[in-house]
Amino acid sequence: MDERRRRPHPQPLARRNEPVPPTMLGFVGLSDDNKERISKAIEVAKTIVHYGWIPTILFVAYRASNPRPPLMRLISPLA
């Protein structure tokens, strides 16, 4: 068989829900402290996007709908 076909698939940089090590971010000229701060900021941004995506989509859809349903009807499933 050809060697190109037998090569294994490349490994992902990081598994899901694992923080990406600062050395994998490609920030060569930054100090370790700055790399750590950037990594932490990226992790916080991921968390914000993860938990805020669906509420943001619902809010945009609510604002764009015409006529707007009562807000209590959207919040409470029994209303």
N, C-alpha and C. Protein backbone atom coordinates (compact mmCIF):
# COMPACT_ATOMS: atom_id res chain seq x y z
N MET A 1 0.82 -1.19 0.00
CA MET A 1 0.00 0.00 0.00
C MET A 1 0.87 1.25 0.00
N ASP A 2 0.29 2.28 -0.49
CA ASP A 2 0.97 3.57 -0.53
C ASP A 2 1.09 4.13 0.89
N GLU A 3 2.24 4.74 1.20
CA GLU A 3 2.49 5.27 2.53
C GLU A 3 1.53 6.40 2.89
N ARG A 4 1.09 7.15 1.89
CA ARG A 4 0.19 8.26 2.17
C ARG A 4 -1.14 7.77 2.72
N ARG A 5 -1.58 6.62 2.32
CA ARG A 5 -2.86 6.09 2.78
C ARG A 5 -2.77 5.50 4.18
N ARG A 6 -1.60 5.16 4.64
CA ARG A 6 -1.45 4.49 5.92
C ARG A 6 -1.17 5.45 7.08
N ARG A 7 -1.02 6.73 6.79
CA ARG A 7 -0.74 7.68 7.85
C ARG A 7 -1.96 7.81 8.78
N PRO A 8 -1.74 7.89 10.08
CA PRO A 8 -2.88 8.07 10.99
C PRO A 8 -3.41 9.49 10.89
N HIS A 9 -4.64 9.64 11.32
CA HIS A 9 -5.24 10.97 11.34
C HIS A 9 -4.53 11.83 12.38
N PRO A 10 -4.41 13.13 12.11
CA PRO A 10 -3.76 14.00 13.11
C PRO A 10 -4.61 14.09 14.37
N GLN A 11 -3.95 14.19 15.50
CA GLN A 11 -4.65 14.30 16.77
C GLN A 11 -5.16 15.74 16.94
N PRO A 12 -6.34 15.92 17.55
CA PRO A 12 -6.83 17.28 17.80
C PRO A 12 -5.93 17.98 18.81
N LEU A 13 -5.91 19.31 18.75
CA LEU A 13 -5.08 20.07 19.68
C LEU A 13 -5.52 19.89 21.12
N ALA A 14 -6.82 19.88 21.35
CA ALA A 14 -7.34 19.69 22.70
C ALA A 14 -8.69 19.00 22.60
N ARG A 15 -8.98 18.17 23.58
CA ARG A 15 -10.29 17.52 23.60
C ARG A 15 -11.33 18.51 24.08
N ARG A 16 -12.57 18.20 23.84
CA ARG A 16 -13.66 19.08 24.23
C ARG A 16 -13.65 19.27 25.74
N ASN A 17 -13.94 20.47 26.17
CA ASN A 17 -14.02 20.88 27.58
C ASN A 17 -12.68 20.83 28.30
N GLU A 18 -11.59 20.74 27.58
CA GLU A 18 -10.27 20.85 28.20
C GLU A 18 -9.69 22.21 27.83
N PRO A 19 -9.11 22.92 28.80
CA PRO A 19 -8.50 24.20 28.45
C PRO A 19 -7.32 24.00 27.50
N VAL A 20 -7.19 24.92 26.59
CA VAL A 20 -6.08 24.85 25.63
C VAL A 20 -4.83 25.38 26.31
N PRO A 21 -3.77 24.60 26.35
CA PRO A 21 -2.53 25.09 26.97
C PRO A 21 -2.01 26.33 26.25
N PRO A 22 -1.44 27.27 26.98
CA PRO A 22 -0.95 28.50 26.34
C PRO A 22 0.07 28.25 25.25
N THR A 23 0.82 27.16 25.33
CA THR A 23 1.82 26.90 24.30
C THR A 23 1.19 26.55 22.97
N MET A 24 -0.06 26.11 22.97
CA MET A 24 -0.72 25.75 21.72
C MET A 24 -1.43 26.94 21.07
N LEU A 25 -1.45 28.07 21.74
CA LEU A 25 -2.15 29.22 21.19
C LEU A 25 -1.33 29.96 20.14
N GLY A 26 -0.06 29.73 20.10
CA GLY A 26 0.77 30.36 19.09
C GLY A 26 1.27 31.74 19.46
N PHE A 27 1.18 32.12 20.70
CA PHE A 27 1.66 33.42 21.14
C PHE A 27 3.14 33.29 21.50
N VAL A 28 4.00 33.42 20.55
CA VAL A 28 5.42 33.16 20.77
C VAL A 28 6.08 34.30 21.53
N GLY A 29 5.77 35.54 21.20
CA GLY A 29 6.49 36.66 21.78
C GLY A 29 5.93 37.17 23.09
N LEU A 30 4.94 36.51 23.67
CA LEU A 30 4.32 37.00 24.89
C LEU A 30 4.91 36.30 26.11
N SER A 31 4.81 36.99 27.24
CA SER A 31 5.29 36.37 28.48
C SER A 31 4.29 35.31 28.93
N ASP A 32 4.73 34.46 29.84
CA ASP A 32 3.86 33.41 30.35
C ASP A 32 2.63 33.97 31.05
N ASP A 33 2.80 35.09 31.74
CA ASP A 33 1.68 35.72 32.43
C ASP A 33 0.61 36.18 31.44
N ASN A 34 1.05 36.82 30.35
CA ASN A 34 0.11 37.27 29.33
C ASN A 34 -0.58 36.10 28.63
N LYS A 35 0.16 35.04 28.39
CA LYS A 35 -0.44 33.85 27.77
C LYS A 35 -1.52 33.27 28.67
N GLU A 36 -1.25 33.26 29.96
CA GLU A 36 -2.23 32.73 30.91
C GLU A 36 -3.48 33.60 30.95
N ARG A 37 -3.30 34.91 30.93
CA ARG A 37 -4.44 35.83 30.93
C ARG A 37 -5.28 35.67 29.66
N ILE A 38 -4.64 35.54 28.52
CA ILE A 38 -5.36 35.36 27.26
C ILE A 38 -6.11 34.04 27.27
N SER A 39 -5.48 32.99 27.76
CA SER A 39 -6.14 31.68 27.85
C SER A 39 -7.37 31.75 28.75
N LYS A 40 -7.24 32.43 29.88
CA LYS A 40 -8.37 32.57 30.80
C LYS A 40 -9.48 33.38 30.16
N ALA A 41 -9.14 34.45 29.44
CA ALA A 41 -10.15 35.26 28.77
C ALA A 41 -10.89 34.45 27.71
N ILE A 42 -10.17 33.60 26.99
CA ILE A 42 -10.80 32.76 25.98
C ILE A 42 -11.75 31.76 26.63
N GLU A 43 -11.34 31.18 27.75
CA GLU A 43 -12.20 30.23 28.46
C GLU A 43 -13.47 30.92 28.97
N VAL A 44 -13.34 32.14 29.50
CA VAL A 44 -14.51 32.88 29.97
C VAL A 44 -15.43 33.21 28.80
N ALA A 45 -14.86 33.62 27.68
CA ALA A 45 -15.67 33.92 26.50
C ALA A 45 -16.40 32.69 25.99
N LYS A 46 -15.74 31.53 26.01
CA LYS A 46 -16.41 30.29 25.60
C LYS A 46 -17.60 29.98 26.50
N THR A 47 -17.43 30.18 27.80
CA THR A 47 -18.51 29.92 28.74
C THR A 47 -19.68 30.87 28.51
N ILE A 48 -19.38 32.14 28.29
CA ILE A 48 -20.43 33.12 28.05
C ILE A 48 -21.20 32.78 26.78
N VAL A 49 -20.51 32.44 25.73
CA VAL A 49 -21.17 32.08 24.47
C VAL A 49 -21.98 30.80 24.65
N HIS A 50 -21.43 29.83 25.38
CA HIS A 50 -22.11 28.56 25.57
C HIS A 50 -23.47 28.75 26.25
N TYR A 51 -23.51 29.52 27.33
CA TYR A 51 -24.74 29.70 28.08
C TYR A 51 -25.60 30.85 27.57
N GLY A 52 -25.07 31.74 26.76
CA GLY A 52 -25.84 32.88 26.30
C GLY A 52 -26.37 32.79 24.89
N TRP A 53 -26.01 31.74 24.15
CA TRP A 53 -26.38 31.65 22.74
C TRP A 53 -27.90 31.52 22.57
N ILE A 54 -28.53 30.55 23.20
CA ILE A 54 -29.96 30.32 23.02
C ILE A 54 -30.79 31.50 23.55
N PRO A 55 -30.52 32.04 24.75
CA PRO A 55 -31.28 33.21 25.17
C PRO A 55 -31.13 34.40 24.22
N THR A 56 -29.96 34.57 23.63
CA THR A 56 -29.77 35.66 22.68
C THR A 56 -30.63 35.45 21.43
N ILE A 57 -30.65 34.22 20.92
CA ILE A 57 -31.47 33.93 19.74
C ILE A 57 -32.94 34.15 20.06
N LEU A 58 -33.40 33.69 21.23
CA LEU A 58 -34.80 33.90 21.61
C LEU A 58 -35.13 35.38 21.75
N PHE A 59 -34.22 36.16 22.32
CA PHE A 59 -34.45 37.59 22.47
C PHE A 59 -34.54 38.28 21.11
N VAL A 60 -33.65 37.94 20.20
CA VAL A 60 -33.68 38.54 18.86
C VAL A 60 -34.97 38.17 18.14
N ALA A 61 -35.39 36.92 18.26
CA ALA A 61 -36.64 36.49 17.62
C ALA A 61 -37.83 37.19 18.24
N TYR A 62 -37.82 37.38 19.55
CA TYR A 62 -38.90 38.08 20.24
C TYR A 62 -38.99 39.52 19.78
N ARG A 63 -37.84 40.17 19.66
CA ARG A 63 -37.83 41.58 19.24
C ARG A 63 -38.27 41.76 17.79
N ALA A 64 -38.00 40.75 16.96
CA ALA A 64 -38.32 40.88 15.54
C ALA A 64 -39.74 40.44 15.20
N SER A 65 -40.43 39.77 16.13
CA SER A 65 -41.77 39.26 15.82
C SER A 65 -42.79 40.39 15.85
N ASN A 66 -43.80 40.23 15.04
CA ASN A 66 -44.85 41.23 14.96
C ASN A 66 -46.17 40.49 14.82
N PRO A 67 -47.12 40.57 15.68
CA PRO A 67 -47.13 41.27 16.96
C PRO A 67 -46.34 40.50 18.01
N ARG A 68 -45.84 41.22 18.97
CA ARG A 68 -45.04 40.59 20.02
C ARG A 68 -45.96 39.87 21.01
N PRO A 69 -45.62 38.62 21.34
CA PRO A 69 -46.41 37.93 22.37
C PRO A 69 -46.10 38.53 23.75
N PRO A 70 -47.03 38.37 24.69
CA PRO A 70 -46.74 38.87 26.04
C PRO A 70 -45.49 38.19 26.61
N LEU A 71 -44.69 38.95 27.30
CA LEU A 71 -43.43 38.44 27.84
C LEU A 71 -43.68 37.32 28.86
N MET A 72 -44.76 37.41 29.65
CA MET A 72 -45.08 36.37 30.63
C MET A 72 -45.35 35.04 29.93
N ARG A 73 -45.89 35.08 28.76
CA ARG A 73 -46.17 33.85 28.02
C ARG A 73 -44.88 33.16 27.58
N LEU A 74 -43.86 33.93 27.31
CA LEU A 74 -42.58 33.35 26.92
C LEU A 74 -41.83 32.79 28.12
N ILE A 75 -41.94 33.45 29.26
CA ILE A 75 -41.18 33.05 30.44
C ILE A 75 -41.81 31.84 31.12
N SER A 76 -43.12 31.85 31.30
CA SER A 76 -43.79 30.79 32.05
C SER A 76 -44.40 29.78 31.09
N PRO A 77 -44.09 28.49 31.25
CA PRO A 77 -44.67 27.49 30.36
C PRO A 77 -46.15 27.24 30.63
N LEU A 78 -46.66 27.64 31.82
CA LEU A 78 -48.06 27.40 32.16
C LEU A 78 -48.98 28.54 31.75
N ALA A 79 -48.44 29.68 31.38
CA ALA A 79 -49.26 30.85 31.04
C ALA A 79 -49.87 30.71 29.66
